[in-house]
Amino acid sequence: MALTFFKRPRHKQFNYKPVFYDKAKDEREKRMKTALEETDKEYSIALRERMNLRWKRTAGARARKNSNYRLIVVLLAIGLLFYYIFLR
């Protein structure tokens, strides 16, 4: 047994458990919940919630589509500018 004058620090341990959020799973569970509760609620409220969820899903697809069109237009403009400056 060795005699020590200074206490050496030990490594720290943490109980961290990472949290994963799955947006698609959350929306799917919400749709299932509204479908199961549809008999308890008024039909118009359930219909409004379904339409709202559907609109949110299609809004993301619409934004991606517009972004792709914008990218194509910018690439064509750069290509035409390159052609006009260097190859003409």
PDB file of N, CA and C in Angstrom:
ATOM      1  N   MET A   1       0.831  -1.163   0.000  1.00  0.00           N
ATOM      2  CA  MET A   1       0.000   0.000   0.000  1.00  0.00           C
ATOM      3  C   MET A   1       0.885   1.237   0.000  1.00  0.00           C
ATOM      4  N   ALA A   2       0.676   2.081  -0.999  1.00  0.00           N
ATOM      5  CA  ALA A   2       1.519   3.263  -1.145  1.00  0.00           C
ATOM      6  C   ALA A   2       0.938   4.430  -0.364  1.00  0.00           C
ATOM      7  N   LEU A   3       1.812   5.233   0.133  1.00  0.00           N
ATOM      8  CA  LEU A   3       1.428   6.412   0.893  1.00  0.00           C
ATOM      9  C   LEU A   3       1.350   7.589  -0.080  1.00  0.00           C
ATOM     10  N   THR A   4       0.178   8.282  -0.131  1.00  0.00           N
ATOM     11  CA  THR A   4       0.028   9.410  -1.063  1.00  0.00           C
ATOM     12  C   THR A   4      -0.231  10.698  -0.288  1.00  0.00           C
ATOM     13  N   PHE A   5       0.298  11.795  -0.826  1.00  0.00           N
ATOM     14  CA  PHE A   5       0.109  13.088  -0.185  1.00  0.00           C
ATOM     15  C   PHE A   5      -1.010  13.897  -0.856  1.00  0.00           C
ATOM     16  N   PHE A   6      -1.247  13.619  -2.128  1.00  0.00           N
ATOM     17  CA  PHE A   6      -2.268  14.355  -2.873  1.00  0.00           C
ATOM     18  C   PHE A   6      -3.362  13.393  -3.314  1.00  0.00           C
ATOM     19  N   LYS A   7      -4.587  13.855  -3.198  1.00  0.00           N
ATOM     20  CA  LYS A   7      -5.723  13.038  -3.605  1.00  0.00           C
ATOM     21  C   LYS A   7      -5.955  13.233  -5.100  1.00  0.00           C
ATOM     22  N   ARG A   8      -5.963  12.146  -5.864  1.00  0.00           N
ATOM     23  CA  ARG A   8      -6.179  12.227  -7.321  1.00  0.00           C
ATOM     24  C   ARG A   8      -7.674  12.243  -7.605  1.00  0.00           C
ATOM     25  N   PRO A   9      -8.128  13.142  -8.478  1.00  0.00           N
ATOM     26  CA  PRO A   9      -9.566  13.211  -8.767  1.00  0.00           C
ATOM     27  C   PRO A   9     -10.019  11.998  -9.586  1.00  0.00           C
ATOM     28  N   ARG A  10     -11.218  11.546  -9.293  1.00  0.00           N
ATOM     29  CA  ARG A  10     -11.790  10.434 -10.036  1.00  0.00           C
ATOM     30  C   ARG A  10     -12.675  10.986 -11.137  1.00  0.00           C
ATOM     31  N   HIS A  11     -12.928  10.165 -12.144  1.00  0.00           N
ATOM     32  CA  HIS A  11     -13.781  10.607 -13.243  1.00  0.00           C
ATOM     33  C   HIS A  11     -15.220  10.731 -12.747  1.00  0.00           C
ATOM     34  N   LYS A  12     -15.952  11.675 -13.353  1.00  0.00           N
ATOM     35  CA  LYS A  12     -17.333  11.906 -12.942  1.00  0.00           C
ATOM     36  C   LYS A  12     -18.266  11.041 -13.775  1.00  0.00           C
ATOM     37  N   GLN A  13     -19.302  10.562 -13.144  1.00  0.00           N
ATOM     38  CA  GLN A  13     -20.280   9.740 -13.832  1.00  0.00           C
ATOM     39  C   GLN A  13     -21.606  10.499 -13.862  1.00  0.00           C
ATOM     40  N   PHE A  14     -22.254  10.458 -15.019  1.00  0.00           N
ATOM     41  CA  PHE A  14     -23.530  11.120 -15.182  1.00  0.00           C
ATOM     42  C   PHE A  14     -24.569  10.083 -15.592  1.00  0.00           C
ATOM     43  N   ASN A  15     -25.789  10.303 -15.206  1.00  0.00           N
ATOM     44  CA  ASN A  15     -26.888   9.420 -15.571  1.00  0.00           C
ATOM     45  C   ASN A  15     -27.719  10.067 -16.672  1.00  0.00           C
ATOM     46  N   TYR A  16     -27.084  10.420 -17.761  1.00  0.00           N
ATOM     47  CA  TYR A  16     -27.758  11.084 -18.873  1.00  0.00           C
ATOM     48  C   TYR A  16     -28.335  10.035 -19.823  1.00  0.00           C
ATOM     49  N   LYS A  17     -29.620  10.156 -20.092  1.00  0.00           N
ATOM     50  CA  LYS A  17     -30.273   9.290 -21.069  1.00  0.00           C
ATOM     51  C   LYS A  17     -30.811  10.176 -22.176  1.00  0.00           C
ATOM     52  N   PRO A  18     -30.295  10.051 -23.394  1.00  0.00           N
ATOM     53  CA  PRO A  18     -30.726  10.935 -24.479  1.00  0.00           C
ATOM     54  C   PRO A  18     -32.190  10.705 -24.831  1.00  0.00           C
ATOM     55  N   VAL A  19     -32.845  11.780 -25.243  1.00  0.00           N
ATOM     56  CA  VAL A  19     -34.253  11.734 -25.611  1.00  0.00           C
ATOM     57  C   VAL A  19     -34.344  11.904 -27.116  1.00  0.00           C
ATOM     58  N   PHE A  20     -35.089  11.026 -27.768  1.00  0.00           N
ATOM     59  CA  PHE A  20     -35.269  11.102 -29.215  1.00  0.00           C
ATOM     60  C   PHE A  20     -36.706  11.483 -29.508  1.00  0.00           C
ATOM     61  N   TYR A  21     -36.908  12.526 -30.298  1.00  0.00           N
ATOM     62  CA  TYR A  21     -38.248  12.991 -30.655  1.00  0.00           C
ATOM     63  C   TYR A  21     -38.514  12.630 -32.104  1.00  0.00           C
ATOM     64  N   ASP A  22     -39.540  11.833 -32.324  1.00  0.00           N
ATOM     65  CA  ASP A  22     -39.927  11.423 -33.665  1.00  0.00           C
ATOM     66  C   ASP A  22     -41.223  12.152 -34.025  1.00  0.00           C
ATOM     67  N   LYS A  23     -41.094  13.168 -34.864  1.00  0.00           N
ATOM     68  CA  LYS A  23     -42.244  14.001 -35.215  1.00  0.00           C
ATOM     69  C   LYS A  23     -43.307  13.193 -35.959  1.00  0.00           C
ATOM     70  N   ALA A  24     -42.892  12.318 -36.857  1.00  0.00           N
ATOM     71  CA  ALA A  24     -43.849  11.516 -37.623  1.00  0.00           C
ATOM     72  C   ALA A  24     -44.630  10.586 -36.696  1.00  0.00           C
ATOM     73  N   LYS A  25     -43.941   9.996 -35.732  1.00  0.00           N
ATOM     74  CA  LYS A  25     -44.614   9.102 -34.789  1.00  0.00           C
ATOM     75  C   LYS A  25     -45.607   9.879 -33.928  1.00  0.00           C
ATOM     76  N   ASP A  26     -45.216  11.076 -33.519  1.00  0.00           N
ATOM     77  CA  ASP A  26     -46.099  11.904 -32.713  1.00  0.00           C
ATOM     78  C   ASP A  26     -47.374  12.263 -33.484  1.00  0.00           C
ATOM     79  N   GLU A  27     -47.223  12.658 -34.749  1.00  0.00           N
ATOM     80  CA  GLU A  27     -48.390  12.982 -35.572  1.00  0.00           C
ATOM     81  C   GLU A  27     -49.258  11.753 -35.816  1.00  0.00           C
ATOM     82  N   ARG A  28     -48.627  10.604 -36.043  1.00  0.00           N
ATOM     83  CA  ARG A  28     -49.377   9.368 -36.269  1.00  0.00           C
ATOM     84  C   ARG A  28     -50.195   8.994 -35.032  1.00  0.00           C
ATOM     85  N   GLU A  29     -49.583   9.120 -33.849  1.00  0.00           N
ATOM     86  CA  GLU A  29     -50.307   8.820 -32.615  1.00  0.00           C
ATOM     87  C   GLU A  29     -51.457   9.799 -32.387  1.00  0.00           C
ATOM     88  N   LYS A  30     -51.249  11.049 -32.752  1.00  0.00           N
ATOM     89  CA  LYS A  30     -52.316  12.036 -32.599  1.00  0.00           C
ATOM     90  C   LYS A  30     -53.477  11.722 -33.539  1.00  0.00           C
ATOM     91  N   ARG A  31     -53.172  11.297 -34.764  1.00  0.00           N
ATOM     92  CA  ARG A  31     -54.231  10.913 -35.707  1.00  0.00           C
ATOM     93  C   ARG A  31     -55.005   9.707 -35.199  1.00  0.00           C
ATOM     94  N   MET A  32     -54.276   8.726 -34.648  1.00  0.00           N
ATOM     95  CA  MET A  32     -54.938   7.542 -34.110  1.00  0.00           C
ATOM     96  C   MET A  32     -55.831   7.918 -32.924  1.00  0.00           C
ATOM     97  N   LYS A  33     -55.352   8.806 -32.085  1.00  0.00           N
ATOM     98  CA  LYS A  33     -56.126   9.229 -30.927  1.00  0.00           C
ATOM     99  C   LYS A  33     -57.400   9.937 -31.365  1.00  0.00           C
ATOM    100  N   THR A  34     -57.298  10.830 -32.352  1.00  0.00           N
ATOM    101  CA  THR A  34     -58.498  11.528 -32.819  1.00  0.00           C
ATOM    102  C   THR A  34     -59.447  10.567 -33.521  1.00  0.00           C
ATOM    103  N   ALA A  35     -58.915   9.566 -34.207  1.00  0.00           N
ATOM    104  CA  ALA A  35     -59.786   8.602 -34.879  1.00  0.00           C
ATOM    105  C   ALA A  35     -60.543   7.747 -33.857  1.00  0.00           C
ATOM    106  N   LEU A  36     -59.887   7.388 -32.783  1.00  0.00           N
ATOM    107  CA  LEU A  36     -60.544   6.590 -31.758  1.00  0.00           C
ATOM    108  C   LEU A  36     -61.539   7.407 -30.935  1.00  0.00           C
ATOM    109  N   GLU A  37     -61.235   8.677 -30.734  1.00  0.00           N
ATOM    110  CA  GLU A  37     -62.116   9.532 -29.951  1.00  0.00           C
ATOM    111  C   GLU A  37     -63.200  10.188 -30.802  1.00  0.00           C
ATOM    112  N   GLU A  38     -63.186   9.926 -32.078  1.00  0.00           N
ATOM    113  CA  GLU A  38     -64.120  10.583 -32.980  1.00  0.00           C
ATOM    114  C   GLU A  38     -65.571  10.319 -32.586  1.00  0.00           C
ATOM    115  N   THR A  39     -65.854   9.161 -32.059  1.00  0.00           N
ATOM    116  CA  THR A  39     -67.226   8.852 -31.657  1.00  0.00           C
ATOM    117  C   THR A  39     -67.627   9.661 -30.428  1.00  0.00           C
ATOM    118  N   ASP A  40     -66.683  10.017 -29.577  1.00  0.00           N
ATOM    119  CA  ASP A  40     -66.988  10.780 -28.374  1.00  0.00           C
ATOM    120  C   ASP A  40     -67.137  12.275 -28.669  1.00  0.00           C
ATOM    121  N   LYS A  41     -66.364  12.785 -29.603  1.00  0.00           N
ATOM    122  CA  LYS A  41     -66.390  14.211 -29.914  1.00  0.00           C
ATOM    123  C   LYS A  41     -67.442  14.521 -30.958  1.00  0.00           C
ATOM    124  N   GLU A  42     -67.613  15.783 -31.147  1.00  0.00           N
ATOM    125  CA  GLU A  42     -68.472  16.192 -32.252  1.00  0.00           C
ATOM    126  C   GLU A  42     -67.737  15.923 -33.553  1.00  0.00           C
ATOM    127  N   TYR A  43     -68.470  15.602 -34.564  1.00  0.00           N
ATOM    128  CA  TYR A  43     -67.867  15.253 -35.849  1.00  0.00           C
ATOM    129  C   TYR A  43     -67.141  16.446 -36.450  1.00  0.00           C
ATOM    130  N   SER A  44     -67.677  17.643 -36.305  1.00  0.00           N
ATOM    131  CA  SER A  44     -67.052  18.819 -36.924  1.00  0.00           C
ATOM    132  C   SER A  44     -65.694  19.126 -36.305  1.00  0.00           C
ATOM    133  N   ILE A  45     -65.552  18.918 -35.008  1.00  0.00           N
ATOM    134  CA  ILE A  45     -64.257  19.175 -34.364  1.00  0.00           C
ATOM    135  C   ILE A  45     -63.227  18.160 -34.838  1.00  0.00           C
ATOM    136  N   ALA A  46     -63.622  16.896 -34.927  1.00  0.00           N
ATOM    137  CA  ALA A  46     -62.703  15.856 -35.396  1.00  0.00           C
ATOM    138  C   ALA A  46     -62.313  16.107 -36.851  1.00  0.00           C
ATOM    139  N   LEU A  47     -63.276  16.541 -37.660  1.00  0.00           N
ATOM    140  CA  LEU A  47     -62.981  16.834 -39.063  1.00  0.00           C
ATOM    141  C   LEU A  47     -62.006  17.991 -39.177  1.00  0.00           C
ATOM    142  N   ARG A  48     -62.194  19.012 -38.364  1.00  0.00           N
ATOM    143  CA  ARG A  48     -61.298  20.170 -38.384  1.00  0.00           C
ATOM    144  C   ARG A  48     -59.876  19.762 -38.015  1.00  0.00           C
ATOM    145  N   GLU A  49     -59.722  18.911 -37.012  1.00  0.00           N
ATOM    146  CA  GLU A  49     -58.386  18.451 -36.611  1.00  0.00           C
ATOM    147  C   GLU A  49     -57.728  17.625 -37.710  1.00  0.00           C
ATOM    148  N   ARG A  50     -58.499  16.744 -38.361  1.00  0.00           N
ATOM    149  CA  ARG A  50     -57.937  15.952 -39.461  1.00  0.00           C
ATOM    150  C   ARG A  50     -57.499  16.839 -40.613  1.00  0.00           C
ATOM    151  N   MET A  51     -58.314  17.827 -40.951  1.00  0.00           N
ATOM    152  CA  MET A  51     -57.957  18.732 -42.044  1.00  0.00           C
ATOM    153  C   MET A  51     -56.711  19.536 -41.697  1.00  0.00           C
ATOM    154  N   ASN A  52     -56.593  19.954 -40.445  1.00  0.00           N
ATOM    155  CA  ASN A  52     -55.426  20.707 -40.012  1.00  0.00           C
ATOM    156  C   ASN A  52     -54.162  19.858 -40.108  1.00  0.00           C
ATOM    157  N   LEU A  53     -54.229  18.605 -39.678  1.00  0.00           N
ATOM    158  CA  LEU A  53     -53.066  17.714 -39.775  1.00  0.00           C
ATOM    159  C   LEU A  53     -52.685  17.456 -41.228  1.00  0.00           C
ATOM    160  N   ARG A  54     -53.684  17.233 -42.076  1.00  0.00           N
ATOM    161  CA  ARG A  54     -53.410  16.995 -43.490  1.00  0.00           C
ATOM    162  C   ARG A  54     -52.773  18.222 -44.137  1.00  0.00           C
ATOM    163  N   TRP A  55     -53.257  19.415 -43.769  1.00  0.00           N
ATOM    164  CA  TRP A  55     -52.694  20.638 -44.338  1.00  0.00           C
ATOM    165  C   TRP A  55     -51.238  20.801 -43.920  1.00  0.00           C
ATOM    166  N   LYS A  56     -50.915  20.472 -42.660  1.00  0.00           N
ATOM    167  CA  LYS A  56     -49.535  20.588 -42.198  1.00  0.00           C
ATOM    168  C   LYS A  56     -48.619  19.635 -42.956  1.00  0.00           C
ATOM    169  N   ARG A  57     -49.106  18.414 -43.241  1.00  0.00           N
ATOM    170  CA  ARG A  57     -48.275  17.446 -43.974  1.00  0.00           C
ATOM    171  C   ARG A  57     -48.027  17.908 -45.406  1.00  0.00           C
ATOM    172  N   THR A  58     -49.051  18.438 -46.081  1.00  0.00           N
ATOM    173  CA  THR A  58     -48.877  18.852 -47.473  1.00  0.00           C
ATOM    174  C   THR A  58     -48.110  20.164 -47.579  1.00  0.00           C
ATOM    175  N   ALA A  59     -48.116  20.985 -46.537  1.00  0.00           N
ATOM    176  CA  ALA A  59     -47.387  22.254 -46.579  1.00  0.00           C
ATOM    177  C   ALA A  59     -45.885  21.998 -46.695  1.00  0.00           C
ATOM    178  N   GLY A  60     -45.380  20.986 -46.011  1.00  0.00           N
ATOM    179  CA  GLY A  60     -43.951  20.664 -46.095  1.00  0.00           C
ATOM    180  C   GLY A  60     -43.571  20.170 -47.477  1.00  0.00           C
ATOM    181  N   ALA A  61     -44.424  19.361 -48.089  1.00  0.00           N
ATOM    182  CA  ALA A  61     -44.153  18.859 -49.440  1.00  0.00           C
ATOM    183  C   ALA A  61     -44.186  20.002 -50.435  1.00  0.00           C
ATOM    184  N   ARG A  62     -45.121  20.928 -50.257  1.00  0.00           N
ATOM    185  CA  ARG A  62     -45.227  22.073 -51.157  1.00  0.00           C
ATOM    186  C   ARG A  62     -43.982  22.957 -51.053  1.00  0.00           C
ATOM    187  N   ALA A  63     -43.482  23.154 -49.849  1.00  0.00           N
ATOM    188  CA  ALA A  63     -42.285  23.973 -49.649  1.00  0.00           C
ATOM    189  C   ALA A  63     -41.068  23.324 -50.302  1.00  0.00           C
ATOM    190  N   ARG A  64     -40.933  21.994 -50.175  1.00  0.00           N
ATOM    191  CA  ARG A  64     -39.815  21.289 -50.833  1.00  0.00           C
ATOM    192  C   ARG A  64     -39.905  21.415 -52.343  1.00  0.00           C
ATOM    193  N   LYS A  65     -41.115  21.312 -52.882  1.00  0.00           N
ATOM    194  CA  LYS A  65     -41.303  21.396 -54.323  1.00  0.00           C
ATOM    195  C   LYS A  65     -40.898  22.792 -54.824  1.00  0.00           C
ATOM    196  N   ASN A  66     -41.325  23.833 -54.114  1.00  0.00           N
ATOM    197  CA  ASN A  66     -40.956  25.193 -54.496  1.00  0.00           C
ATOM    198  C   ASN A  66     -39.454  25.402 -54.383  1.00  0.00           C
ATOM    199  N   SER A  67     -38.851  24.825 -53.373  1.00  0.00           N
ATOM    200  CA  SER A  67     -37.412  24.953 -53.193  1.00  0.00           C
ATOM    201  C   SER A  67     -36.663  24.278 -54.343  1.00  0.00           C
ATOM    202  N   ASN A  68     -37.130  23.125 -54.792  1.00  0.00           N
ATOM    203  CA  ASN A  68     -36.489  22.435 -55.908  1.00  0.00           C
ATOM    204  C   ASN A  68     -36.608  23.246 -57.193  1.00  0.00           C
ATOM    205  N   TYR A  69     -37.776  23.844 -57.442  1.00  0.00           N
ATOM    206  CA  TYR A  69     -37.936  24.683 -58.629  1.00  0.00           C
ATOM    207  C   TYR A  69     -36.992  25.881 -58.581  1.00  0.00           C
ATOM    208  N   ARG A  70     -36.878  26.489 -57.424  1.00  0.00           N
ATOM    209  CA  ARG A  70     -35.997  27.642 -57.268  1.00  0.00           C
ATOM    210  C   ARG A  70     -34.549  27.236 -57.530  1.00  0.00           C
ATOM    211  N   LEU A  71     -34.137  26.076 -57.055  1.00  0.00           N
ATOM    212  CA  LEU A  71     -32.778  25.589 -57.271  1.00  0.00           C
ATOM    213  C   LEU A  71     -32.509  25.375 -58.758  1.00  0.00           C
ATOM    214  N   ILE A  72     -33.463  24.802 -59.470  1.00  0.00           N
ATOM    215  CA  ILE A  72     -33.306  24.571 -60.909  1.00  0.00           C
ATOM    216  C   ILE A  72     -33.168  25.889 -61.649  1.00  0.00           C
ATOM    217  N   VAL A  73     -33.978  26.874 -61.298  1.00  0.00           N
ATOM    218  CA  VAL A  73     -33.910  28.182 -61.957  1.00  0.00           C
ATOM    219  C   VAL A  73     -32.562  28.839 -61.695  1.00  0.00           C
ATOM    220  N   VAL A  74     -32.069  28.772 -60.466  1.00  0.00           N
ATOM    221  CA  VAL A  74     -30.778  29.389 -60.141  1.00  0.00           C
ATOM    222  C   VAL A  74     -29.649  28.682 -60.894  1.00  0.00           C
ATOM    223  N   LEU A  75     -29.681  27.358 -60.958  1.00  0.00           N
ATOM    224  CA  LEU A  75     -28.642  26.621 -61.691  1.00  0.00           C
ATOM    225  C   LEU A  75     -28.672  26.946 -63.176  1.00  0.00           C
ATOM    226  N   LEU A  76     -29.859  27.076 -63.750  1.00  0.00           N
ATOM    227  CA  LEU A  76     -29.957  27.470 -65.161  1.00  0.00           C
ATOM    228  C   LEU A  76     -29.409  28.873 -65.382  1.00  0.00           C
ATOM    229  N   ALA A  77     -29.700  29.785 -64.484  1.00  0.00           N
ATOM    230  CA  ALA A  77     -29.198  31.153 -64.612  1.00  0.00           C
ATOM    231  C   ALA A  77     -27.670  31.173 -64.519  1.00  0.00           C
ATOM    232  N   ILE A  78     -27.116  30.411 -63.602  1.00  0.00           N
ATOM    233  CA  ILE A  78     -25.655  30.355 -63.474  1.00  0.00           C
ATOM    234  C   ILE A  78     -25.041  29.716 -64.714  1.00  0.00           C
ATOM    235  N   GLY A  79     -25.679  28.663 -65.226  1.00  0.00           N
ATOM    236  CA  GLY A  79     -25.176  28.019 -66.439  1.00  0.00           C
ATOM    237  C   GLY A  79     -25.203  28.953 -67.632  1.00  0.00           C
ATOM    238  N   LEU A  80     -26.280  29.709 -67.813  1.00  0.00           N
ATOM    239  CA  LEU A  80     -26.355  30.676 -68.907  1.00  0.00           C
ATOM    240  C   LEU A  80     -25.327  31.783 -68.745  1.00  0.00           C
ATOM    241  N   LEU A  81     -25.139  32.243 -67.523  1.00  0.00           N
ATOM    242  CA  LEU A  81     -24.133  33.277 -67.264  1.00  0.00           C
ATOM    243  C   LEU A  81     -22.737  32.738 -67.558  1.00  0.00           C
ATOM    244  N   PHE A  82     -22.447  31.533 -67.173  1.00  0.00           N
ATOM    245  CA  PHE A  82     -21.161  30.900 -67.448  1.00  0.00           C
ATOM    246  C   PHE A  82     -20.946  30.782 -68.962  1.00  0.00           C
ATOM    247  N   TYR A  83     -21.974  30.342 -69.676  1.00  0.00           N
ATOM    248  CA  TYR A  83     -21.885  30.216 -71.128  1.00  0.00           C
ATOM    249  C   TYR A  83     -21.627  31.570 -71.775  1.00  0.00           C
ATOM    250  N   TYR A  84     -22.340  32.600 -71.333  1.00  0.00           N
ATOM    251  CA  TYR A  84     -22.214  33.920 -71.918  1.00  0.00           C
ATOM    252  C   TYR A  84     -20.833  34.512 -71.669  1.00  0.00           C
ATOM    253  N   ILE A  85     -20.265  34.314 -70.483  1.00  0.00           N
ATOM    254  CA  ILE A  85     -18.981  34.915 -70.135  1.00  0.00           C
ATOM    255  C   ILE A  85     -17.806  34.152 -70.733  1.00  0.00           C
ATOM    256  N   PHE A  86     -17.771  32.825 -70.592  1.00  0.00           N
ATOM    257  CA  PHE A  86     -16.573  32.066 -70.937  1.00  0.00           C
ATOM    258  C   PHE A  86     -16.600  31.411 -72.313  1.00  0.00           C
ATOM    259  N   LEU A  87     -17.729  31.016 -72.800  1.00  0.00           N
ATOM    260  CA  LEU A  87     -17.747  30.252 -74.045  1.00  0.00           C
ATOM    261  C   LEU A  87     -18.164  31.085 -75.251  1.00  0.00           C
ATOM    262  N   ARG A  88     -18.549  32.256 -75.073  1.00  0.00           N
ATOM    263  CA  ARG A  88     -18.961  33.089 -76.202  1.00  0.00           C
ATOM    264  C   ARG A  88     -17.840  33.850 -76.777  1.00  0.00           C
TER     265      ARG A  88
END
